[in-house]
Protein backbone atom coordinates (compact mmCIF):
# COMPACT_ATOMS: atom_id res chain seq x y z
CA MET A 1 0.09 -0.10 0.18
CA GLU A 2 1.45 3.40 -1.09
CA PRO A 3 1.91 6.28 1.49
CA SER A 4 -0.69 9.31 0.71
CA ARG A 5 -0.30 12.75 0.60
CA ASP A 6 -1.55 13.15 4.18
CA ASP A 7 0.63 10.63 5.32
CA PHE A 8 3.75 12.34 3.94
CA ILE A 9 2.56 15.80 5.16
CA ILE A 10 2.01 14.46 8.61
CA ALA A 11 5.52 13.11 8.82
CA ILE A 12 7.18 16.38 7.92
CA ARG A 13 5.19 18.02 10.82
CA SER A 14 6.55 15.10 13.02
CA ALA A 15 10.14 15.62 11.61
CA PHE A 16 9.78 19.81 12.44
CA LEU A 17 8.25 19.04 15.82
CA LYS A 18 11.24 17.07 17.19
CA LYS A 19 13.57 19.49 15.67
CA GLY A 20 11.58 22.40 17.87
CA THR A 21 11.69 20.16 20.87
CA LYS A 22 15.58 19.67 20.28
CA GLN A 23 16.07 23.49 20.16
CA ARG A 24 13.86 23.94 23.53
CA PHE A 25 15.89 21.51 25.05
CA SER A 26 19.26 22.88 24.38
CA LEU A 27 18.14 26.38 25.05
CA THR A 28 16.85 25.44 28.42
CA PHE A 29 19.94 23.14 29.23
CA LEU A 30 22.12 26.27 28.42
CA LEU A 31 20.16 28.58 30.67
CA LEU A 32 20.38 26.01 33.51
CA PHE A 33 23.79 25.35 33.10
CA SER A 34 24.34 29.07 33.10
CA VAL A 35 22.55 29.35 36.58
CA VAL A 36 24.16 26.44 38.20
CA LEU A 37 28.14 28.05 36.76
CA ILE A 38 26.81 31.56 38.38
CA ILE A 39 25.72 30.13 41.89
CA LEU A 40 28.97 27.92 41.76
CA GLY A 41 31.04 31.09 41.14
CA LYS A 42 29.64 32.91 44.18
CA PHE A 43 31.26 29.76 46.21
CA ASN A 44 34.92 30.68 44.74
CA PHE A 45 35.41 27.06 43.55
CA THR A 46 38.95 26.65 42.01
CA PRO A 47 37.59 24.66 38.82
CA ILE A 48 34.69 27.38 38.48
CA LYS A 49 37.14 30.04 38.36
CA HIS A 50 39.56 27.90 35.51
CA LEU A 51 36.34 27.56 33.61
CA LYS A 52 35.07 31.04 33.86
CA ILE A 53 38.65 32.09 32.83
CA GLY A 54 39.04 29.96 30.18
CA LEU A 55 35.48 30.89 28.39
CA ASN A 56 36.71 34.50 29.01
CA GLU A 57 39.41 33.97 27.10
CA ILE A 58 37.72 32.14 24.17
CA VAL A 59 35.17 34.68 23.96
CA TYR A 60 37.63 37.34 23.67
CA ARG A 61 39.67 35.64 21.35
CA THR A 62 36.66 34.99 19.43
CA SER A 63 35.44 38.39 19.56
CA PHE A 64 38.93 39.42 18.63
CA VAL A 65 39.07 37.32 15.37
CA ALA A 66 35.21 38.29 14.36
CA SER A 67 36.50 41.90 14.65
CA LEU A 68 39.43 41.90 12.41
CA PRO A 69 37.86 42.23 9.22
CA GLU A 70 35.71 45.29 10.38
CA LYS A 71 39.01 47.03 11.73
CA TYR A 72 40.57 46.03 8.51
CA ALA A 73 37.81 47.61 6.62
CA ASP A 74 37.59 50.60 8.78
CA TYR A 75 41.57 51.00 8.28
CA SER A 76 41.53 50.51 4.66
CA LEU A 77 38.74 53.25 4.10
CA LYS A 78 40.54 55.77 6.47
CA ALA A 79 43.88 54.93 4.59
CA ILE A 80 41.91 55.51 1.07
CA GLY A 81 40.55 58.73 2.55
CA ALA A 82 43.64 60.19 3.87
CA HIS A 83 45.59 59.67 0.35
CA ALA A 84 42.19 61.30 -1.55
CA LYS A 85 42.96 64.19 0.64
CA ILE A 86 46.63 63.89 0.07
CA TYR A 87 46.37 63.92 -3.55
CA LYS A 88 43.77 66.81 -3.56
CA ASP A 89 46.13 68.83 -1.36
CA TYR A 90 48.94 68.15 -3.63
CA SER A 91 46.73 69.02 -6.89
CA SER A 92 45.49 72.29 -5.13
CA LEU A 93 49.44 73.24 -4.06
CA GLU A 94 50.49 72.49 -7.53
CA GLU A 95 47.79 74.60 -9.14
CA GLU A 96 48.80 77.46 -6.80
CA LEU A 97 52.25 77.00 -7.88
CA LYS A 98 51.56 77.46 -11.40
CA LYS A 99 49.70 80.71 -10.50
CA LEU A 100 52.22 82.12 -8.47
CA LYS A 101 54.60 81.44 -11.58
CA THR A 102 52.31 82.93 -13.71
CA GLU A 103 52.20 86.11 -11.29
CA LYS A 104 55.99 85.93 -11.17
CA TYR A 105 56.50 86.28 -15.05
CA LYS A 106 53.72 88.73 -14.99
CA ALA A 107 55.61 90.67 -12.79
CA LYS A 108 58.68 90.53 -14.45
CA PHE A 109 56.93 91.31 -17.53
CA LEU A 110 55.39 94.48 -16.09
CA GLU A 111 58.78 95.61 -14.23
CA ASN A 112 60.51 95.09 -17.80
CA GLU A 113 57.62 97.29 -19.44
CA ASN A 114 58.20 99.69 -16.63
CA LYS A 115 61.81 100.41 -17.07
CA ARG A 116 61.18 100.89 -21.15
CA LEU A 117 58.30 103.18 -20.70
CA LYS A 118 60.26 104.92 -17.96
CA LYS A 119 63.14 105.57 -20.35
CA ILE A 120 60.77 106.77 -23.14
CA LEU A 121 59.39 109.32 -20.87
CA ASP A 122 62.88 110.40 -19.48
CA ASN A 123 63.89 111.27 -23.41
CA VAL A 124 60.46 112.75 -24.81
CA THR A 125 57.76 114.69 -23.19
CA TYR A 126 54.34 115.08 -24.91
CA SER A 127 51.89 118.04 -24.66
CA SER A 128 48.76 117.60 -25.90
CA ASP A 129 45.06 119.72 -26.36
CA ILE A 130 41.64 118.25 -26.92
CA VAL A 131 39.03 119.78 -28.91
CA PHE A 132 35.41 118.62 -28.44
CA ALA A 133 33.14 118.13 -31.40
CA LYS A 134 29.67 116.69 -32.23
CA VAL A 135 29.19 114.32 -35.11
CA LEU A 136 27.26 115.92 -38.09
CA ILE A 137 27.03 113.28 -40.98
CA ASP A 138 28.05 109.47 -40.80
CA LYS A 139 29.19 108.74 -44.07
CA GLN A 140 28.65 104.73 -44.62
CA SER A 141 29.24 102.76 -47.56
CA PRO A 142 30.29 99.50 -48.51
CA PHE A 143 33.80 100.87 -48.71
CA LEU A 144 33.92 104.33 -47.10
CA ARG A 145 33.93 104.65 -43.12
CA SER A 146 33.75 108.24 -42.23
CA ILE A 147 32.35 110.89 -40.42
CA ILE A 148 32.00 114.61 -40.66
CA ILE A 149 32.28 116.92 -37.12
CA ASN A 150 31.46 120.21 -36.58
CA LYS A 151 34.97 121.77 -36.06
CA GLY A 152 37.34 122.73 -38.41
CA SER A 153 40.81 124.73 -38.95
CA ARG A 154 39.45 128.02 -37.28
CA ASN A 155 39.64 125.63 -33.98
CA GLY A 156 43.11 124.63 -34.94
CA LEU A 157 42.41 121.60 -36.13
CA LYS A 158 45.03 120.29 -38.78
CA LYS A 159 45.03 116.82 -40.97
CA GLY A 160 46.26 113.75 -39.34
CA MET A 161 45.12 114.80 -35.77
CA ALA A 162 43.71 111.89 -33.92
CA VAL A 163 40.18 111.21 -33.05
CA LEU A 164 38.95 109.83 -30.23
CA SER A 165 35.85 108.48 -28.38
CA ASP A 166 35.83 107.99 -24.61
CA ALA A 167 39.57 108.00 -24.62
CA TYR A 168 39.62 105.56 -27.41
CA LEU A 169 41.01 106.06 -30.74
CA ILE A 170 38.39 105.66 -33.62
CA GLY A 171 40.11 107.53 -36.51
CA LYS A 172 41.93 110.77 -37.84
CA ILE A 173 41.06 113.70 -39.11
CA VAL A 174 41.78 113.56 -43.73
CA GLU A 175 39.85 116.60 -44.62
CA LEU A 176 39.88 119.83 -43.14
CA ASN A 177 37.53 122.82 -43.75
CA TYR A 178 37.24 126.17 -42.08
CA THR A 179 34.20 124.75 -39.92
CA THR A 180 33.49 121.34 -40.61
CA SER A 181 36.16 118.02 -41.13
CA ARG A 182 36.23 114.95 -42.06
CA VAL A 183 37.16 112.17 -40.09
CA LEU A 184 38.61 108.84 -41.39
CA LEU A 185 37.36 106.04 -39.01
CA LEU A 186 39.94 102.91 -38.41
CA SER A 187 37.50 100.64 -40.26
CA ASP A 188 37.88 102.31 -43.27
CA LEU A 189 39.51 100.24 -46.17
CA ASN A 190 42.12 103.12 -46.95
CA SER A 191 42.84 103.49 -43.08
CA LYS A 192 46.25 102.20 -42.12
CA ILE A 193 47.80 103.06 -38.67
CA PRO A 194 51.37 102.19 -36.91
CA VAL A 195 50.43 100.24 -33.65
CA SER A 196 51.62 98.44 -30.55
CA LEU A 197 50.23 95.17 -29.27
CA GLU A 198 50.53 94.20 -25.15
CA PRO A 199 51.81 92.29 -23.87
CA GLY A 200 55.01 92.09 -25.71
CA SER A 201 55.11 95.54 -27.36
CA ILE A 202 54.75 93.74 -31.03
CA GLN A 203 55.00 96.26 -33.70
CA SER A 204 52.30 96.09 -36.46
CA ILE A 205 50.08 97.83 -38.91
CA LEU A 206 46.48 97.92 -38.24
CA SER A 207 44.27 98.23 -41.35
CA GLY A 208 40.30 98.72 -41.93
CA ASP A 209 38.56 95.95 -43.35
CA GLY A 210 35.51 98.15 -44.55
CA LYS A 211 33.05 96.56 -42.08
CA ASN A 212 33.14 97.46 -38.27
CA SER A 213 36.43 95.74 -37.25
CA GLY A 214 40.27 95.97 -38.57
CA ILE A 215 42.99 93.41 -39.58
CA ILE A 216 46.56 93.26 -38.23
CA GLN A 217 49.15 93.38 -40.89
CA TYR A 218 52.94 93.28 -41.16
CA THR A 219 54.02 91.71 -38.08
CA LYS A 220 57.49 91.22 -37.91
CA ASN A 221 59.19 87.55 -38.46
CA ASN A 222 55.44 86.65 -38.61
CA THR A 223 55.35 86.87 -34.54
CA LEU A 224 52.74 85.21 -32.82
CA ILE A 225 50.03 87.35 -31.77
CA ASN A 226 47.79 85.98 -28.59
CA VAL A 227 44.24 86.18 -28.74
CA GLY A 228 42.92 88.78 -26.22
CA SER A 229 46.01 90.96 -26.25
CA ILE A 230 45.16 94.92 -26.37
CA ILE A 231 45.96 97.18 -29.15
CA TYR A 232 47.39 100.57 -28.50
CA THR A 233 48.86 103.41 -30.91
CA SER A 234 52.42 103.04 -31.25
CA GLY A 235 53.43 106.49 -32.00
CA THR A 236 55.95 105.36 -34.95
CA GLY A 237 56.17 108.28 -37.63
CA ASP A 238 54.76 110.59 -34.97
CA LEU A 239 51.69 110.31 -36.92
CA LEU A 240 49.63 109.76 -33.30
CA LYS A 241 50.06 110.22 -29.91
CA PRO A 242 51.61 106.54 -28.80
CA GLY A 243 49.46 104.49 -26.02
CA ILE A 244 46.03 105.57 -26.81
CA PRO A 245 43.41 102.23 -26.49
CA ILE A 246 42.04 100.74 -29.86
CA GLY A 247 40.53 97.69 -29.42
CA LYS A 248 41.60 93.85 -28.68
CA ILE A 249 42.74 90.96 -30.82
CA TYR A 250 40.44 88.03 -31.89
CA SER A 251 41.01 85.45 -34.50
CA ASN A 252 39.02 83.99 -37.19
CA GLU A 253 39.98 81.72 -40.05
CA ASN A 254 43.57 81.77 -38.71
CA ARG A 255 43.54 85.86 -39.07
CA ASN A 256 44.05 88.37 -36.41
CA PHE A 257 41.43 90.87 -36.13
CA THR A 258 40.49 93.95 -34.32
CA ASP A 259 37.79 94.06 -31.89
CA PHE A 260 37.28 97.94 -31.38
CA PHE A 261 36.24 99.47 -28.08
CA ILE A 262 33.96 101.87 -29.66
CA ASP A 263 30.80 100.97 -31.97
CA PHE A 264 31.32 103.26 -34.97
CA THR A 265 27.93 103.31 -35.48
CA GLN A 266 26.71 104.94 -31.97
CA LEU A 267 28.84 107.91 -32.26
CA ARG A 268 27.45 111.07 -31.35
CA TYR A 269 30.20 113.43 -29.62
CA VAL A 270 34.09 113.02 -30.27
CA GLN A 271 37.38 114.71 -29.18
CA VAL A 272 39.96 115.78 -31.24
CA LEU A 273 43.14 115.24 -29.88
CA SER A 274 46.46 117.14 -31.01
CA TYR A 275 49.98 116.93 -29.45
CA ILE A 276 53.64 118.04 -29.75
CA GLU A 277 56.40 115.62 -29.14
CA GLU A 278 59.57 117.41 -27.66
CA GLU A 279 62.92 115.95 -27.02
CA ASN A 280 64.12 116.78 -23.20
CA LYS A 281 67.66 118.29 -23.24
């Protein structure tokens, strides 16, 4: 006769009940054993003392061994954190060192530039007069970029005088009448003036492109020009007073263009600058 499904289930339940009984018996035995040890320990029995010492040693050693992985993991995490902090501090110090070196080079450049300019000022003195004028006509064409101002020869103006707006160079006088003058803007195709690019005191020629920008041409030995360099008048040929800011360099299609500091389409009032160069004796 084959066992039925109910018999199989009953057998499994009996096994679990037997296992539960064994567990309850073991727990009860351990509790009783512990109570007996505590009671006997009160009477200072030597075997009990040795047993307690042995049990304490076993528990201590077991706990120590069990805690080793946790301690090692904690030590490893701290070591990794310390290493990461050291690397971060090293990177920060390295970056600070680069900045300090850059500042050192800048300071050296400024020191040399100051010596050069001081030498120039020791030999040359500039005296200048400013005449304020109003823009009357703005002649804009695909190729001609010029303005007419309401000051002329009766105000002491002469051809070649520099014309500024907000202390920035915008052009020079090319035609002169008694009461008016025509100013050729730096963006005109016919405009060409000697300039100096800083830093580096790179000498070059600024030409107009017929639009609203200029082109840097004829640099000596194809000197490398950095984007963002500031353009000033160089004073070469005694055409314009040196050191007048014009704009800054930007690059497009491997050519160096000038972004003027002044928007030539928004001119309303200008200043005409005349200067006399006198050699110090």
